Protein backbone atom coordinates (compact mmCIF):
# COMPACT_ATOMS: atom_id res chain seq x y z
CA UNK A 1 135.84 36.30 -178.51
CA UNK A 2 139.13 36.21 -176.87
CA UNK A 3 140.59 38.10 -179.90
CA UNK A 4 138.00 41.04 -179.14
CA UNK A 5 139.21 40.68 -175.34
CA UNK A 6 143.01 41.12 -176.47
CA UNK A 7 141.89 44.00 -178.66
CA UNK A 8 139.89 45.66 -175.96
CA UNK A 9 142.90 45.37 -173.66
CA UNK A 10 144.99 46.71 -175.72
CA UNK A 11 142.86 49.68 -176.54
CA UNK A 12 142.18 50.55 -172.97
CA UNK A 13 146.31 50.57 -172.37
CA UNK A 14 146.99 52.83 -175.43
CA UNK A 15 144.40 55.16 -173.98
CA UNK A 16 144.98 55.05 -170.54
CA UNK A 17 148.71 55.85 -172.13
CA UNK A 18 147.70 59.06 -174.16
CA UNK A 19 144.99 60.24 -170.99
CA UNK A 20 147.92 61.39 -168.46
CA UNK A 21 148.99 60.83 -164.86
CA UNK A 22 145.20 60.37 -163.74
CA UNK A 23 144.22 56.64 -163.43
CA UNK A 24 140.64 54.96 -163.69
CA UNK A 25 141.27 53.40 -160.61
CA UNK A 26 142.00 56.70 -158.59
CA UNK A 27 138.32 57.93 -160.29
CA UNK A 28 136.32 54.76 -159.65
CA UNK A 29 138.19 54.46 -155.87
CA UNK A 30 136.74 58.65 -155.07
CA UNK A 31 133.31 57.54 -157.00
CA UNK A 32 133.01 54.77 -154.25
CA UNK A 33 133.89 56.66 -151.18
CA UNK A 34 131.77 59.54 -152.55
CA UNK A 35 128.66 57.33 -152.30
CA UNK A 36 129.56 55.85 -149.10
CA UNK A 37 132.64 53.80 -149.12
CA UNK A 38 132.87 50.12 -150.01
CA UNK A 39 132.40 48.65 -146.69
CA UNK A 40 128.89 50.76 -146.45
CA UNK A 41 128.04 49.82 -150.07
CA UNK A 42 128.68 46.09 -149.39
CA UNK A 43 126.30 46.25 -145.71
CA UNK A 44 123.32 47.02 -148.21
CA UNK A 45 121.76 43.53 -148.41
CA UNK A 46 118.38 44.97 -150.14
CA UNK A 47 117.09 48.14 -151.65
CA UNK A 48 113.33 49.50 -152.21
CA UNK A 49 113.15 51.98 -154.44
CA UNK A 50 109.20 53.94 -155.36
CA UNK A 51 108.68 56.61 -157.64
CA UNK A 52 106.63 57.90 -160.54
CA UNK A 53 106.93 58.30 -164.37
CA UNK A 54 105.24 59.56 -167.31
CA UNK A 55 104.14 57.55 -170.36
CA UNK A 56 101.70 58.97 -172.92
CA UNK A 57 100.59 61.98 -170.65
CA UNK A 58 99.57 59.67 -167.84
CA UNK A 59 101.52 59.58 -164.26
CA UNK A 60 102.54 56.10 -163.24
CA UNK A 61 103.77 54.99 -160.12
CA UNK A 62 106.71 52.65 -160.45
CA UNK A 63 108.33 49.95 -157.08
CA UNK A 64 111.60 48.51 -157.95
CA UNK A 65 112.71 45.47 -155.41
CA UNK A 66 116.27 44.38 -155.31
CA UNK A 67 118.51 41.62 -153.36
CA UNK A 68 122.11 42.08 -153.95
CA UNK A 69 123.70 40.80 -155.84
CA UNK A 70 121.63 39.54 -158.33
CA UNK A 71 117.65 39.47 -157.58
CA UNK A 72 115.24 42.27 -158.78
CA UNK A 73 111.11 42.95 -159.50
CA UNK A 74 109.72 45.68 -160.55
CA UNK A 75 106.29 47.12 -161.06
CA UNK A 76 104.24 49.72 -162.91
CA UNK A 77 101.28 50.84 -161.26
CA UNK A 78 98.53 53.09 -162.82
CA UNK A 79 96.98 54.21 -159.26
CA UNK A 80 96.58 50.68 -156.78
CA UNK A 81 96.47 48.44 -160.43
CA UNK A 82 99.72 46.98 -161.30
CA UNK A 83 99.46 47.47 -165.16
CA UNK A 84 103.25 45.95 -166.13
CA UNK A 85 105.66 43.97 -163.78
CA UNK A 86 108.91 41.74 -163.88
CA UNK A 87 111.60 40.09 -162.17
CA UNK A 88 115.23 38.23 -162.76
CA UNK A 89 116.15 35.50 -159.92
CA UNK A 90 119.68 35.74 -161.36
CA UNK A 91 119.12 32.92 -163.42
CA UNK A 92 116.14 33.53 -164.98
CA UNK A 93 114.10 37.08 -166.03
CA UNK A 94 110.32 37.55 -167.23
CA UNK A 95 107.95 39.93 -167.92
CA UNK A 96 104.22 40.45 -167.19
CA UNK A 97 101.81 42.35 -169.00
CA UNK A 98 97.85 42.82 -170.50
CA UNK A 99 99.89 40.77 -173.33
CA UNK A 100 100.74 37.90 -171.37
CA UNK A 101 103.49 36.42 -169.07
CA UNK A 102 107.08 35.45 -170.60
CA UNK A 103 110.28 34.49 -169.96
CA UNK A 104 113.23 36.66 -171.50
CA UNK A 105 116.42 35.63 -173.26
CA UNK A 106 118.78 37.49 -175.04
CA UNK A 107 119.19 41.39 -174.73
CA UNK A 108 115.78 41.63 -173.12
CA UNK A 109 116.90 39.30 -170.59
CA UNK A 110 120.11 41.15 -169.64
CA UNK A 111 118.39 44.51 -169.02
CA UNK A 112 115.80 43.10 -166.75
CA UNK A 113 118.86 41.42 -164.74
CA UNK A 114 120.88 44.83 -164.78
CA UNK A 115 118.10 46.20 -162.49
CA UNK A 116 119.79 44.13 -159.71
CA UNK A 117 123.38 46.33 -160.56
CA UNK A 118 122.96 48.94 -158.01
CA UNK A 119 126.29 50.48 -157.51
CA UNK A 120 128.31 50.39 -161.05
CA UNK A 121 132.20 49.63 -161.06
CA UNK A 122 131.70 47.95 -157.29
CA UNK A 123 134.34 44.89 -156.92
CA UNK A 124 134.80 45.61 -161.16
CA UNK A 125 138.14 43.99 -160.93
CA UNK A 126 136.08 40.80 -159.68
CA UNK A 127 133.86 41.15 -162.25
CA UNK A 128 136.84 41.00 -165.09
CA UNK A 129 136.12 44.44 -166.25
CA UNK A 130 139.13 46.25 -167.36
CA UNK A 131 138.77 50.00 -166.70
CA UNK A 132 141.10 53.13 -168.56
CA UNK A 133 140.93 57.15 -167.87
CA UNK A 134 140.42 58.82 -171.00
CA UNK A 135 140.23 62.67 -169.88
CA UNK A 136 138.02 65.16 -168.62
CA UNK A 137 134.61 66.30 -170.54
CA UNK A 138 131.82 68.06 -170.31
CA UNK A 139 128.83 66.07 -169.29
CA UNK A 140 125.64 67.60 -168.70
CA UNK A 141 127.26 70.93 -168.58
CA UNK A 142 129.78 69.68 -165.83
CA UNK A 143 132.93 68.96 -165.71
CA UNK A 144 133.37 65.19 -165.36
CA UNK A 145 136.04 62.40 -165.57
CA UNK A 146 135.57 60.29 -168.35
CA UNK A 147 136.42 56.32 -167.95
CA UNK A 148 136.31 53.58 -170.35
CA UNK A 149 135.21 50.54 -169.16
CA UNK A 150 135.10 46.50 -171.11
CA UNK A 151 133.61 43.85 -169.73
CA UNK A 152 133.86 39.81 -169.91
CA UNK A 153 131.53 40.14 -173.23
CA UNK A 154 133.56 42.97 -174.79
CA UNK A 155 130.57 45.90 -173.95
CA UNK A 156 132.45 49.08 -174.04
CA UNK A 157 130.89 51.33 -171.49
CA UNK A 158 131.88 54.97 -170.67
CA UNK A 159 131.08 56.46 -167.57
CA UNK A 160 131.33 60.39 -166.36
CA UNK A 161 131.72 61.04 -162.63
CA UNK A 162 131.42 64.58 -161.94
CA UNK A 163 134.84 66.15 -161.25
CA UNK A 164 133.53 68.17 -158.07
CA UNK A 165 131.52 65.39 -156.17
CA UNK A 166 132.71 62.12 -157.77
CA UNK A 167 129.29 61.10 -158.36
CA UNK A 168 128.95 59.25 -161.72
CA UNK A 169 126.18 61.42 -163.44
CA UNK A 170 126.47 59.78 -167.04
CA UNK A 171 126.72 56.12 -168.77
CA UNK A 172 126.50 55.04 -172.40
CA UNK A 173 126.49 51.63 -173.69
CA UNK A 174 125.33 50.06 -176.94
CA UNK A 175 121.79 49.62 -174.93
CA UNK A 176 121.40 53.39 -174.60
CA UNK A 177 122.82 56.07 -172.37
CA UNK A 178 121.52 56.87 -168.87
CA UNK A 179 122.11 59.99 -166.39
CA UNK A 180 121.93 59.72 -162.99
CA UNK A 181 120.76 63.14 -161.03
CA UNK A 182 119.86 64.30 -157.89
CA UNK A 183 121.98 62.23 -155.39
CA UNK A 184 120.77 62.00 -151.97
CA UNK A 185 121.98 60.39 -148.55
CA UNK A 186 119.83 57.21 -147.01
CA UNK A 187 121.73 55.46 -144.29
CA UNK A 188 125.00 55.90 -144.79
CA UNK A 189 124.86 55.17 -148.19
CA UNK A 190 124.05 57.71 -151.10
CA UNK A 191 121.54 56.96 -153.80
CA UNK A 192 120.42 59.06 -157.43
CA UNK A 193 116.97 59.74 -157.04
CA UNK A 194 116.19 60.64 -160.57
CA UNK A 195 117.32 58.66 -163.78
CA UNK A 196 116.99 59.54 -167.16
CA UNK A 197 117.14 56.73 -169.86
CA UNK A 198 117.30 57.22 -173.91
CA UNK A 199 117.54 53.75 -175.78
CA UNK A 200 115.89 52.70 -178.93
CA UNK A 201 112.71 52.01 -177.54
CA UNK A 202 112.23 55.17 -176.29
CA UNK A 203 113.19 57.75 -173.12
CA UNK A 204 112.07 57.56 -169.68
CA UNK A 205 112.67 59.64 -166.63
CA UNK A 206 112.13 58.46 -163.16
CA UNK A 207 111.57 60.01 -159.82
CA UNK A 208 112.23 58.43 -156.91
CA UNK A 209 110.11 59.67 -153.81
CA UNK A 210 111.72 57.20 -151.24
CA UNK A 211 114.38 54.83 -151.11
CA UNK A 212 114.89 52.10 -148.60
CA UNK A 213 117.35 50.29 -146.99
CA UNK A 214 118.44 46.71 -145.80
CA UNK A 215 113.99 45.77 -145.39
CA UNK A 216 112.57 42.27 -145.32
CA UNK A 217 111.52 41.44 -148.98
CA UNK A 218 109.84 38.32 -149.67
CA UNK A 219 110.96 35.18 -151.42
CA UNK A 220 108.22 35.15 -154.25
CA UNK A 221 108.86 38.68 -155.34
CA UNK A 222 111.58 36.93 -157.27
CA UNK A 223 110.02 33.30 -158.60
CA UNK A 224 109.44 33.35 -162.24
CA UNK A 225 105.82 32.55 -162.23
CA UNK A 226 105.10 28.92 -164.15
CA UNK A 227 103.23 30.01 -166.57
CA UNK A 228 105.58 32.22 -168.38
CA UNK A 229 105.96 31.69 -172.33
CA UNK A 230 108.71 32.66 -174.87
CA UNK A 231 108.42 35.68 -176.13
CA UNK A 232 106.68 36.38 -179.33
CA UNK A 233 109.05 37.45 -182.16
CA UNK A 234 107.41 40.79 -182.92
CA UNK A 235 108.77 41.47 -186.03
CA UNK A 236 107.65 38.80 -187.81
CA UNK A 237 103.62 39.02 -189.43
CA UNK A 238 101.02 37.68 -188.09
CA UNK A 239 100.02 33.87 -189.77
CA UNK A 240 96.69 34.34 -191.48
CA UNK A 241 94.49 31.76 -190.39
CA UNK A 242 92.95 29.36 -193.34
CA UNK A 243 89.51 29.08 -193.99
CA UNK A 244 88.46 32.93 -194.13
């Protein structure tokens, strides 16, 4: 792990030298200022987002509740009926569906826990994230500044920031690609109101109809259900029962 981190740091150093005078720190500072500034971002303690998405030709409603820095809960509804939900308390992560209630581990757990990360690269230095400026590229038909970031887990993430607005418009990692669109101001902070994701399990587009900041939320949302079981390994064939 240490060797990988050293190699990652050396790579970032080379990238920074080749990129020229612009620095990753400058781009990130402009981005944070564009979406509200560090003071206003750190004043956000909770966020509720309501939106819609489509799956298999059906319109679904989505609600996401976040208490920063690490708690998140989401639910997917068809009409008034919750058909899927899940969350994290910052330590555990779980998912509920018609198949049952399961606690998550590995990549699935990390994916749920990332839902609590609303403001990319805020306090990135304290998180041990190292960054480098790659250069100007086209992203979604716009001129953008590309930043390369390496986390403490040696995950490499690319971020593209609109050169004009400084908003984050795209992020790519081994887990998939996310695009952030339709930025609108909510209180003192600017949020993306449309998110497109592309991952191995499929593509998803969520349009948020409303976003509310610093509202009270029940602690019960972020408690893992007591009946949560280990997630079954769907890659293994089911064991046939004896005595047909």
